[in-house]
C-alpha atoms as a PDB file:
ATOM      1  CA  MET A   1     -30.218  26.099 102.285  1.00  0.00           C
ATOM      2  CA  GLU A   2     -27.327  26.231  99.869  1.00  0.00           C
ATOM      3  CA  LYS A   3     -28.456  26.166  96.166  1.00  0.00           C
ATOM      4  CA  LEU A   4     -25.772  24.896  93.986  1.00  0.00           C
ATOM      5  CA  PRO A   5     -25.464  25.582  90.215  1.00  0.00           C
ATOM      6  CA  LYS A   6     -27.951  23.965  87.941  1.00  0.00           C
ATOM      7  CA  VAL A   7     -26.772  20.860  86.246  1.00  0.00           C
ATOM      8  CA  LYS A   8     -27.705  20.406  82.537  1.00  0.00           C
ATOM      9  CA  THR A   9     -28.346  17.083  81.394  1.00  0.00           C
ATOM     10  CA  GLU A  10     -28.356  15.444  77.904  1.00  0.00           C
ATOM     11  CA  ARG A  11     -32.067  14.604  78.192  1.00  0.00           C
ATOM     12  CA  LYS A  12     -34.405  16.554  76.103  1.00  0.00           C
ATOM     13  CA  ILE A  13     -38.109  16.920  76.613  1.00  0.00           C
ATOM     14  CA  GLY A  14     -39.999  19.023  73.914  1.00  0.00           C
ATOM     15  CA  ASN A  15     -37.513  21.464  72.764  1.00  0.00           C
ATOM     16  CA  ASP A  16     -35.759  21.848  75.893  1.00  0.00           C
ATOM     17  CA  PHE A  17     -32.857  19.976  77.828  1.00  0.00           C
ATOM     18  CA  LEU A  18     -33.737  18.985  81.277  1.00  0.00           C
ATOM     19  CA  GLU A  19     -31.988  20.612  84.135  1.00  0.00           C
ATOM     20  CA  VAL A  20     -31.351  19.440  87.712  1.00  0.00           C
ATOM     21  CA  GLU A  21     -31.622  21.980  90.596  1.00  0.00           C
ATOM     22  CA  ILE A  22     -29.605  20.836  93.565  1.00  0.00           C
ATOM     23  CA  SER A  23     -29.702  22.057  97.104  1.00  0.00           C
ATOM     24  CA  ILE A  24     -27.978  21.067 100.235  1.00  0.00           C
ATOM     25  CA  THR A  25     -29.236  21.848 103.856  1.00  0.00           C
ATOM     26  CA  ASN A  26     -29.461  20.726 107.454  1.00  0.00           C
ATOM     27  CA  VAL A  27     -32.435  18.345 107.715  1.00  0.00           C
ATOM     28  CA  ALA A  28     -33.606  20.156 110.985  1.00  0.00           C
ATOM     29  CA  GLU A  29     -33.600  23.558 109.069  1.00  0.00           C
ATOM     30  CA  TYR A  30     -35.568  21.997 106.122  1.00  0.00           C
ATOM     31  CA  ALA A  31     -37.999  20.671 108.723  1.00  0.00           C
ATOM     32  CA  HIS A  32     -38.210  17.372 107.143  1.00  0.00           C
ATOM     33  CA  PRO A  33     -41.323  15.635 108.523  1.00  0.00           C
ATOM     34  CA  TYR A  34     -39.596  12.251 109.074  1.00  0.00           C
ATOM     35  CA  ALA A  35     -36.389  13.048 110.727  1.00  0.00           C
ATOM     36  CA  LEU A  36     -35.668  16.128 112.411  1.00  0.00           C
ATOM     37  CA  ASP A  37     -31.947  15.348 113.393  1.00  0.00           C
ATOM     38  CA  LYS A  38     -29.130  17.744 113.712  1.00  0.00           C
ATOM     39  CA  ASN A  39     -26.794  14.868 112.558  1.00  0.00           C
ATOM     40  CA  GLU A  40     -28.358  14.787 109.187  1.00  0.00           C
ATOM     41  CA  ILE A  41     -27.673  16.610 105.930  1.00  0.00           C
ATOM     42  CA  LEU A  42     -30.245  16.632 103.114  1.00  0.00           C
ATOM     43  CA  CYS A  43     -29.317  16.745  99.305  1.00  0.00           C
ATOM     44  CA  ILE A  44     -32.385  17.648  97.229  1.00  0.00           C
ATOM     45  CA  LEU A  45     -32.556  17.214  93.466  1.00  0.00           C
ATOM     46  CA  ASP A  46     -35.420  18.546  91.417  1.00  0.00           C
ATOM     47  CA  VAL A  47     -36.111  18.139  87.665  1.00  0.00           C
ATOM     48  CA  PRO A  48     -38.573  20.909  86.820  1.00  0.00           C
ATOM     49  CA  PHE A  49     -40.582  20.637  83.486  1.00  0.00           C
ATOM     50  CA  PRO A  50     -39.340  23.273  81.292  1.00  0.00           C
ATOM     51  CA  SER A  51     -41.272  26.562  81.718  1.00  0.00           C
ATOM     52  CA  ASN A  52     -42.840  26.729  78.242  1.00  0.00           C
ATOM     53  CA  TYR A  53     -43.515  22.686  78.234  1.00  0.00           C
ATOM     54  CA  ARG A  54     -47.128  22.130  77.372  1.00  0.00           C
ATOM     55  CA  ARG A  55     -49.844  20.466  79.643  1.00  0.00           C
ATOM     56  CA  THR A  56     -49.764  16.823  79.052  1.00  0.00           C
ATOM     57  CA  LYS A  57     -51.276  13.879  80.909  1.00  0.00           C
ATOM     58  CA  LEU A  58     -47.818  13.301  82.712  1.00  0.00           C
ATOM     59  CA  ARG A  59     -47.610  17.012  83.673  1.00  0.00           C
ATOM     60  CA  ASP A  60     -51.112  17.113  84.932  1.00  0.00           C
ATOM     61  CA  HIS A  61     -50.671  13.912  86.931  1.00  0.00           C
ATOM     62  CA  ALA A  62     -47.401  15.127  88.541  1.00  0.00           C
ATOM     63  CA  TYR A  63     -49.274  18.362  89.397  1.00  0.00           C
ATOM     64  CA  LYS A  64     -52.126  16.384  91.080  1.00  0.00           C
ATOM     65  CA  ILE A  65     -49.913  14.207  92.934  1.00  0.00           C
ATOM     66  CA  GLN A  66     -47.548  17.022  94.180  1.00  0.00           C
ATOM     67  CA  LYS A  67     -50.649  19.066  95.150  1.00  0.00           C
ATOM     68  CA  ASN A  68     -52.027  16.388  97.205  1.00  0.00           C
ATOM     69  CA  TRP A  69     -48.786  15.703  99.042  1.00  0.00           C
ATOM     70  CA  GLY A  70     -48.387  19.408  99.885  1.00  0.00           C
ATOM     71  CA  MET A  71     -45.211  19.768  97.973  1.00  0.00           C
ATOM     72  CA  ILE A  72     -46.665  22.681  95.644  1.00  0.00           C
ATOM     73  CA  SER A  73     -49.328  25.216  95.809  1.00  0.00           C
ATOM     74  CA  LYS A  74     -50.067  26.046  91.994  1.00  0.00           C
ATOM     75  CA  LYS A  75     -49.674  24.797  88.385  1.00  0.00           C
ATOM     76  CA  GLY A  76     -46.244  25.575  87.175  1.00  0.00           C
ATOM     77  CA  GLU A  77     -44.492  24.453  90.167  1.00  0.00           C
ATOM     78  CA  GLU A  78     -44.686  20.645  89.496  1.00  0.00           C
ATOM     79  CA  VAL A  79     -41.466  18.798  88.943  1.00  0.00           C
ATOM     80  CA  LEU A  80     -40.648  15.785  86.589  1.00  0.00           C
ATOM     81  CA  ALA A  81     -38.751  13.921  89.044  1.00  0.00           C
ATOM     82  CA  LYS A  82     -37.562  14.625  92.512  1.00  0.00           C
ATOM     83  CA  ALA A  83     -34.775  12.931  94.838  1.00  0.00           C
ATOM     84  CA  ALA A  84     -33.549  13.552  98.283  1.00  0.00           C
ATOM     85  CA  LEU A  85     -30.618  11.974  99.794  1.00  0.00           C
ATOM     86  CA  THR A  86     -30.298  12.227 103.634  1.00  0.00           C
ATOM     87  CA  TYR A  87     -26.874  11.747 105.013  1.00  0.00           C
ATOM     88  CA  ASN A  88     -26.774  10.780 108.841  1.00  0.00           C
ATOM     89  CA  ARG A  89     -23.278  11.673 110.211  1.00  0.00           C
ATOM     90  CA  LYS A  90     -23.714   9.547 113.565  1.00  0.00           C
ATOM     91  CA  ARG A  91     -24.930   6.398 111.706  1.00  0.00           C
ATOM     92  CA  ASN A  92     -22.692   7.126 108.485  1.00  0.00           C
ATOM     93  CA  ASP A  93     -25.599   6.047 106.210  1.00  0.00           C
ATOM     94  CA  VAL A  94     -27.348   7.635 103.231  1.00  0.00           C
ATOM     95  CA  TRP A  95     -31.157   7.451 102.882  1.00  0.00           C
ATOM     96  CA  LEU A  96     -32.614   7.674  99.370  1.00  0.00           C
ATOM     97  CA  GLY A  97     -36.035   9.063  98.647  1.00  0.00           C
ATOM     98  CA  ILE A  98     -36.892   8.950  94.821  1.00  0.00           C
ATOM     99  CA  TYR A  99     -39.876   9.483  92.604  1.00  0.00           C
ATOM    100  CA  VAL A 100     -39.915   9.756  88.895  1.00  0.00           C
ATOM    101  CA  TYR A 101     -43.566  10.319  87.824  1.00  0.00           C
ATOM    102  CA  ALA A 102     -43.332   8.854  84.444  1.00  0.00           C
ATOM    103  CA  ASN A 103     -42.611   5.493  86.201  1.00  0.00           C
ATOM    104  CA  ASN A 104     -46.058   5.584  88.094  1.00  0.00           C
ATOM    105  CA  PRO A 105     -47.834   2.506  86.671  1.00  0.00           C
ATOM    106  CA  LEU A 106     -51.056   4.414  86.531  1.00  0.00           C
ATOM    107  CA  VAL A 107     -49.777   6.787  83.761  1.00  0.00           C
ATOM    108  CA  ARG A 108     -46.857   4.679  82.285  1.00  0.00           C
ATOM    109  CA  ASN A 109     -49.019   3.647  79.412  1.00  0.00           C
ATOM    110  CA  ILE A 110     -50.946   6.950  78.594  1.00  0.00           C
ATOM    111  CA  ILE A 111     -47.989   9.401  78.444  1.00  0.00           C
ATOM    112  CA  LEU A 112     -46.121  10.439  75.413  1.00  0.00           C
ATOM    113  CA  ARG A 113     -43.522   8.158  74.115  1.00  0.00           C
ATOM    114  CA  SER A 114     -41.060  11.062  74.147  1.00  0.00           C
ATOM    115  CA  GLU A 115     -41.660  11.651  77.765  1.00  0.00           C
ATOM    116  CA  ARG A 116     -41.292   7.881  78.557  1.00  0.00           C
ATOM    117  CA  ASP A 117     -38.013   7.787  76.624  1.00  0.00           C
ATOM    118  CA  CYS A 118     -36.800  10.986  78.208  1.00  0.00           C
ATOM    119  CA  CYS A 119     -37.350   9.630  81.754  1.00  0.00           C
ATOM    120  CA  LYS A 120     -35.751   6.201  81.295  1.00  0.00           C
ATOM    121  CA  GLY A 121     -32.904   5.672  83.710  1.00  0.00           C
ATOM    122  CA  LEU A 122     -33.366   9.246  85.029  1.00  0.00           C
ATOM    123  CA  GLY A 123     -33.775   7.867  88.669  1.00  0.00           C
ATOM    124  CA  LYS A 124     -30.180   6.084  88.634  1.00  0.00           C
ATOM    125  CA  GLU A 125     -28.904   9.510  87.051  1.00  0.00           C
ATOM    126  CA  LEU A 126     -30.197  11.618  89.936  1.00  0.00           C
ATOM    127  CA  VAL A 127     -28.736   9.191  92.423  1.00  0.00           C
ATOM    128  CA  CYS A 128     -25.361   9.182  91.015  1.00  0.00           C
ATOM    129  CA  LEU A 129     -25.465  12.943  90.911  1.00  0.00           C
ATOM    130  CA  GLY A 130     -26.720  13.278  94.492  1.00  0.00           C
ATOM    131  CA  LEU A 131     -23.842  10.948  95.746  1.00  0.00           C
ATOM    132  CA  ARG A 132     -21.319  12.706  93.727  1.00  0.00           C
ATOM    133  CA  THR A 133     -22.435  15.990  94.988  1.00  0.00           C
ATOM    134  CA  LEU A 134     -22.165  14.800  98.618  1.00  0.00           C
ATOM    135  CA  ILE A 135     -18.718  13.455  98.001  1.00  0.00           C
ATOM    136  CA  ASP A 136     -17.514  16.479  96.133  1.00  0.00           C
ATOM    137  CA  ASN A 137     -18.765  18.780  98.922  1.00  0.00           C
ATOM    138  CA  ARG A 138     -16.681  16.600 101.427  1.00  0.00           C
ATOM    139  CA  ILE A 139     -20.058  15.995 103.402  1.00  0.00           C
ATOM    140  CA  ILE A 140     -19.497  12.167 102.966  1.00  0.00           C
ATOM    141  CA  LYS A 141     -16.527  10.051 102.085  1.00  0.00           C
ATOM    142  CA  ASN A 142     -16.471   7.276  99.482  1.00  0.00           C
ATOM    143  CA  SER A 143     -15.941   4.694 102.008  1.00  0.00           C
ATOM    144  CA  LYS A 144     -16.908   1.052 102.242  1.00  0.00           C
ATOM    145  CA  GLU A 145     -18.256   2.034 105.850  1.00  0.00           C
ATOM    146  CA  THR A 146     -20.908   4.193 104.503  1.00  0.00           C
ATOM    147  CA  LYS A 147     -24.286   2.399 104.037  1.00  0.00           C
ATOM    148  CA  PHE A 148     -26.901   3.091 101.341  1.00  0.00           C
ATOM    149  CA  LYS A 149     -30.379   2.763 102.436  1.00  0.00           C
ATOM    150  CA  LEU A 150     -33.847   2.987 100.729  1.00  0.00           C
ATOM    151  CA  GLU A 151     -37.451   1.757 101.027  1.00  0.00           C
ATOM    152  CA  ALA A 152     -38.613  -0.055  97.861  1.00  0.00           C
ATOM    153  CA  GLY A 153     -42.224   1.118  97.455  1.00  0.00           C
ATOM    154  CA  GLY A 154     -44.684   2.468  95.003  1.00  0.00           C
ATOM    155  CA  GLY A 155     -45.923  -0.755  93.389  1.00  0.00           C
ATOM    156  CA  GLU A 156     -49.580  -0.326  91.977  1.00  0.00           C
ATOM    157  CA  CYS A 157     -52.103  -2.672  90.851  1.00  0.00           C
ATOM    158  CA  ASN A 158     -53.217  -1.908  87.241  1.00  0.00           C
ATOM    159  CA  ASP A 159     -55.451  -4.890  86.657  1.00  0.00           C
ATOM    160  CA  ASN A 160     -55.812  -7.573  89.543  1.00  0.00           C
ATOM    161  CA  LYS A 161     -57.373  -9.904  86.973  1.00  0.00           C
ATOM    162  CA  GLU A 162     -53.936 -10.812  86.189  1.00  0.00           C
ATOM    163  CA  ILE A 163     -53.750 -12.568  89.594  1.00  0.00           C
ATOM    164  CA  LYS A 164     -54.691 -16.190  89.080  1.00  0.00           C
ATOM    165  CA  MET A 165     -54.685 -17.421  92.408  1.00  0.00           C
ATOM    166  CA  THR A 166     -57.043 -19.265  94.624  1.00  0.00           C
ATOM    167  CA  GLU A 167     -58.170 -17.798  97.797  1.00  0.00           C
ATOM    168  CA  GLU A 168     -56.065 -20.031  99.788  1.00  0.00           C
ATOM    169  CA  ASP A 169     -53.095 -19.095  97.760  1.00  0.00           C
ATOM    170  CA  ILE A 170     -54.072 -15.269  98.373  1.00  0.00           C
ATOM    171  CA  TYR A 171     -54.095 -15.875 101.985  1.00  0.00           C
ATOM    172  CA  ASN A 172     -50.769 -17.823 102.209  1.00  0.00           C
ATOM    173  CA  PHE A 173     -49.100 -15.130 100.139  1.00  0.00           C
ATOM    174  CA  LEU A 174     -50.152 -12.398 102.452  1.00  0.00           C
ATOM    175  CA  GLN A 175     -49.004 -14.282 105.482  1.00  0.00           C
ATOM    176  CA  LYS A 176     -45.358 -13.698 104.382  1.00  0.00           C
ATOM    177  CA  PHE A 177     -46.165  -9.739 104.812  1.00  0.00           C
ATOM    178  CA  PRO A 178     -47.553  -9.386 108.280  1.00  0.00           C
ATOM    179  CA  GLU A 179     -48.599  -5.705 107.719  1.00  0.00           C
ATOM    180  CA  ASN A 180     -50.502  -6.504 104.402  1.00  0.00           C
ATOM    181  CA  ALA A 181     -52.409  -9.414 106.007  1.00  0.00           C
ATOM    182  CA  LYS A 182     -54.053  -7.137 108.398  1.00  0.00           C
ATOM    183  CA  ASN A 183     -57.552  -5.632 107.851  1.00  0.00           C
ATOM    184  CA  LYS A 184     -58.219  -6.931 104.435  1.00  0.00           C
ATOM    185  CA  LYS A 185     -61.725  -8.145 104.926  1.00  0.00           C
ATOM    186  CA  THR A 186     -62.878  -8.777 101.245  1.00  0.00           C
ATOM    187  CA  LYS A 187     -61.604 -10.896  98.587  1.00  0.00           C
ATOM    188  CA  LYS A 188     -61.267  -7.958  96.243  1.00  0.00           C
ATOM    189  CA  GLU A 189     -59.177  -6.164  98.865  1.00  0.00           C
ATOM    190  CA  ARG A 190     -56.842  -9.170  99.400  1.00  0.00           C
ATOM    191  CA  LYS A 191     -56.428  -9.752  95.689  1.00  0.00           C
ATOM    192  CA  ASN A 192     -55.350  -5.956  95.048  1.00  0.00           C
ATOM    193  CA  GLU A 193     -53.081  -6.069  97.852  1.00  0.00           C
ATOM    194  CA  VAL A 194     -51.236  -9.336  96.195  1.00  0.00           C
ATOM    195  CA  CYS A 195     -51.210  -7.543  92.977  1.00  0.00           C
ATOM    196  CA  ALA A 196     -49.603  -4.281  94.273  1.00  0.00           C
ATOM    197  CA  ILE A 197     -46.970  -6.466  96.442  1.00  0.00           C
ATOM    198  CA  ILE A 198     -46.135  -8.530  93.301  1.00  0.00           C
ATOM    199  CA  ALA A 199     -45.598  -5.242  91.250  1.00  0.00           C
ATOM    200  CA  ASN A 200     -43.406  -3.983  94.060  1.00  0.00           C
ATOM    201  CA  LEU A 201     -41.483  -7.097  94.258  1.00  0.00           C
ATOM    202  CA  LYS A 202     -40.247  -6.494  90.838  1.00  0.00           C
ATOM    203  CA  LEU A 203     -38.927  -3.202  91.955  1.00  0.00           C
ATOM    204  CA  VAL A 204     -37.024  -5.003  94.803  1.00  0.00           C
ATOM    205  CA  GLU A 205     -35.506  -7.324  92.319  1.00  0.00           C
ATOM    206  CA  TYR A 206     -34.323  -4.300  90.430  1.00  0.00           C
ATOM    207  CA  TYR A 207     -32.610  -2.703  93.441  1.00  0.00           C
ATOM    208  CA  LYS A 208     -30.891  -6.037  94.068  1.00  0.00           C
ATOM    209  CA  THR A 209     -28.964  -5.234  90.980  1.00  0.00           C
ATOM    210  CA  TRP A 210     -27.491  -2.296  92.693  1.00  0.00           C
ATOM    211  CA  GLY A 211     -26.010  -4.417  95.450  1.00  0.00           C
ATOM    212  CA  LEU A 212     -28.734  -4.034  98.023  1.00  0.00           C
ATOM    213  CA  ARG A 213     -30.362  -6.607 100.149  1.00  0.00           C
ATOM    214  CA  ILE A 214     -33.626  -6.755 101.925  1.00  0.00           C
ATOM    215  CA  THR A 215     -33.726  -6.003 105.602  1.00  0.00           C
ATOM    216  CA  ASN A 216     -37.142  -5.629 106.443  1.00  0.00           C
ATOM    217  CA  LYS A 217     -40.180  -7.091 104.583  1.00  0.00           C
ATOM    218  CA  GLU A 218     -43.028  -6.674 107.050  1.00  0.00           C
ATOM    219  CA  ASP A 219     -44.752  -4.698 104.589  1.00  0.00           C
ATOM    220  CA  GLY A 220     -44.672  -5.934 100.817  1.00  0.00           C
ATOM    221  CA  ARG A 221     -45.460  -2.466  99.531  1.00  0.00           C
ATOM    222  CA  ALA A 222     -42.637  -0.744 101.499  1.00  0.00           C
ATOM    223  CA  ILE A 223     -39.601  -3.071 101.773  1.00  0.00           C
ATOM    224  CA  LEU A 224     -36.398  -1.802 103.440  1.00  0.00           C
ATOM    225  CA  MET A 225     -33.175  -2.505 101.826  1.00  0.00           C
ATOM    226  CA  GLU A 226     -29.362  -1.483 102.288  1.00  0.00           C
ATOM    227  CA  GLY A 227     -26.059  -2.085 101.002  1.00  0.00           C
ATOM    228  CA  LYS A 228     -22.572  -0.306 100.763  1.00  0.00           C
ATOM    229  CA  MET A 229     -22.683   2.958  99.239  1.00  0.00           C
ATOM    230  CA  THR A 230     -19.243   1.903  97.324  1.00  0.00           C
ATOM    231  CA  ASN A 231     -21.017  -0.854  95.702  1.00  0.00           C
ATOM    232  CA  VAL A 232     -23.954   1.437  94.492  1.00  0.00           C
ATOM    233  CA  LEU A 233     -21.412   3.711  92.816  1.00  0.00           C
ATOM    234  CA  LYS A 234     -19.666   0.795  91.281  1.00  0.00           C
ATOM    235  CA  LYS A 235     -22.821  -0.946  89.994  1.00  0.00           C
ATOM    236  CA  VAL A 236     -24.961   2.026  89.088  1.00  0.00           C
ATOM    237  CA  CYS A 237     -22.816   5.006  88.487  1.00  0.00           C
ATOM    238  CA  GLN A 238     -20.013   3.599  86.412  1.00  0.00           C
END
């Protein structure tokens, strides 16, 4: 794995400016659990909490999630945000995976305002930095032929009481998403699923402003989208 020089941002949290740690590796060497492919290169971008930043609800949440996912082993290793751009030479596409912990609906309203302000737009910044890193290192070309893909997911239901739908409406809504219609036996389960999908569809609409279109919506909580990388650079990074 090749670690590149850290990139200092203009974003400040506490008394420190955020830095982005960037590394480039072959996916097979990294042992990525989803795609062990010799044709794939992985660009990883981590935004650590400053070493002296205090324990806040956001930092505790990030630690809990990353510990549960097996990403870290102890406190102090958690990151504020993480992005991974996987480039497949054979297919000529870039697959984005990104998570900004301050954007999780479960903590959005309980974290510090300074943390929320600091993380606003951070995801877009990481996407642009990652794409430019791949281009500058001549791993990918800034070409109309290169596709940009992602899975719009992460919609969470804060309060299903906001869903004012009849049981028939809920049933009909879920039929649009076959994977979500399965195994939802109770009214509460179905209502929670609708609530989460509606939250996720807002994210889908946001990604459409990047020039992306839906390619698969079998699962309303994990909708596949794609577009041209050049459009993403133009709409998001300029």
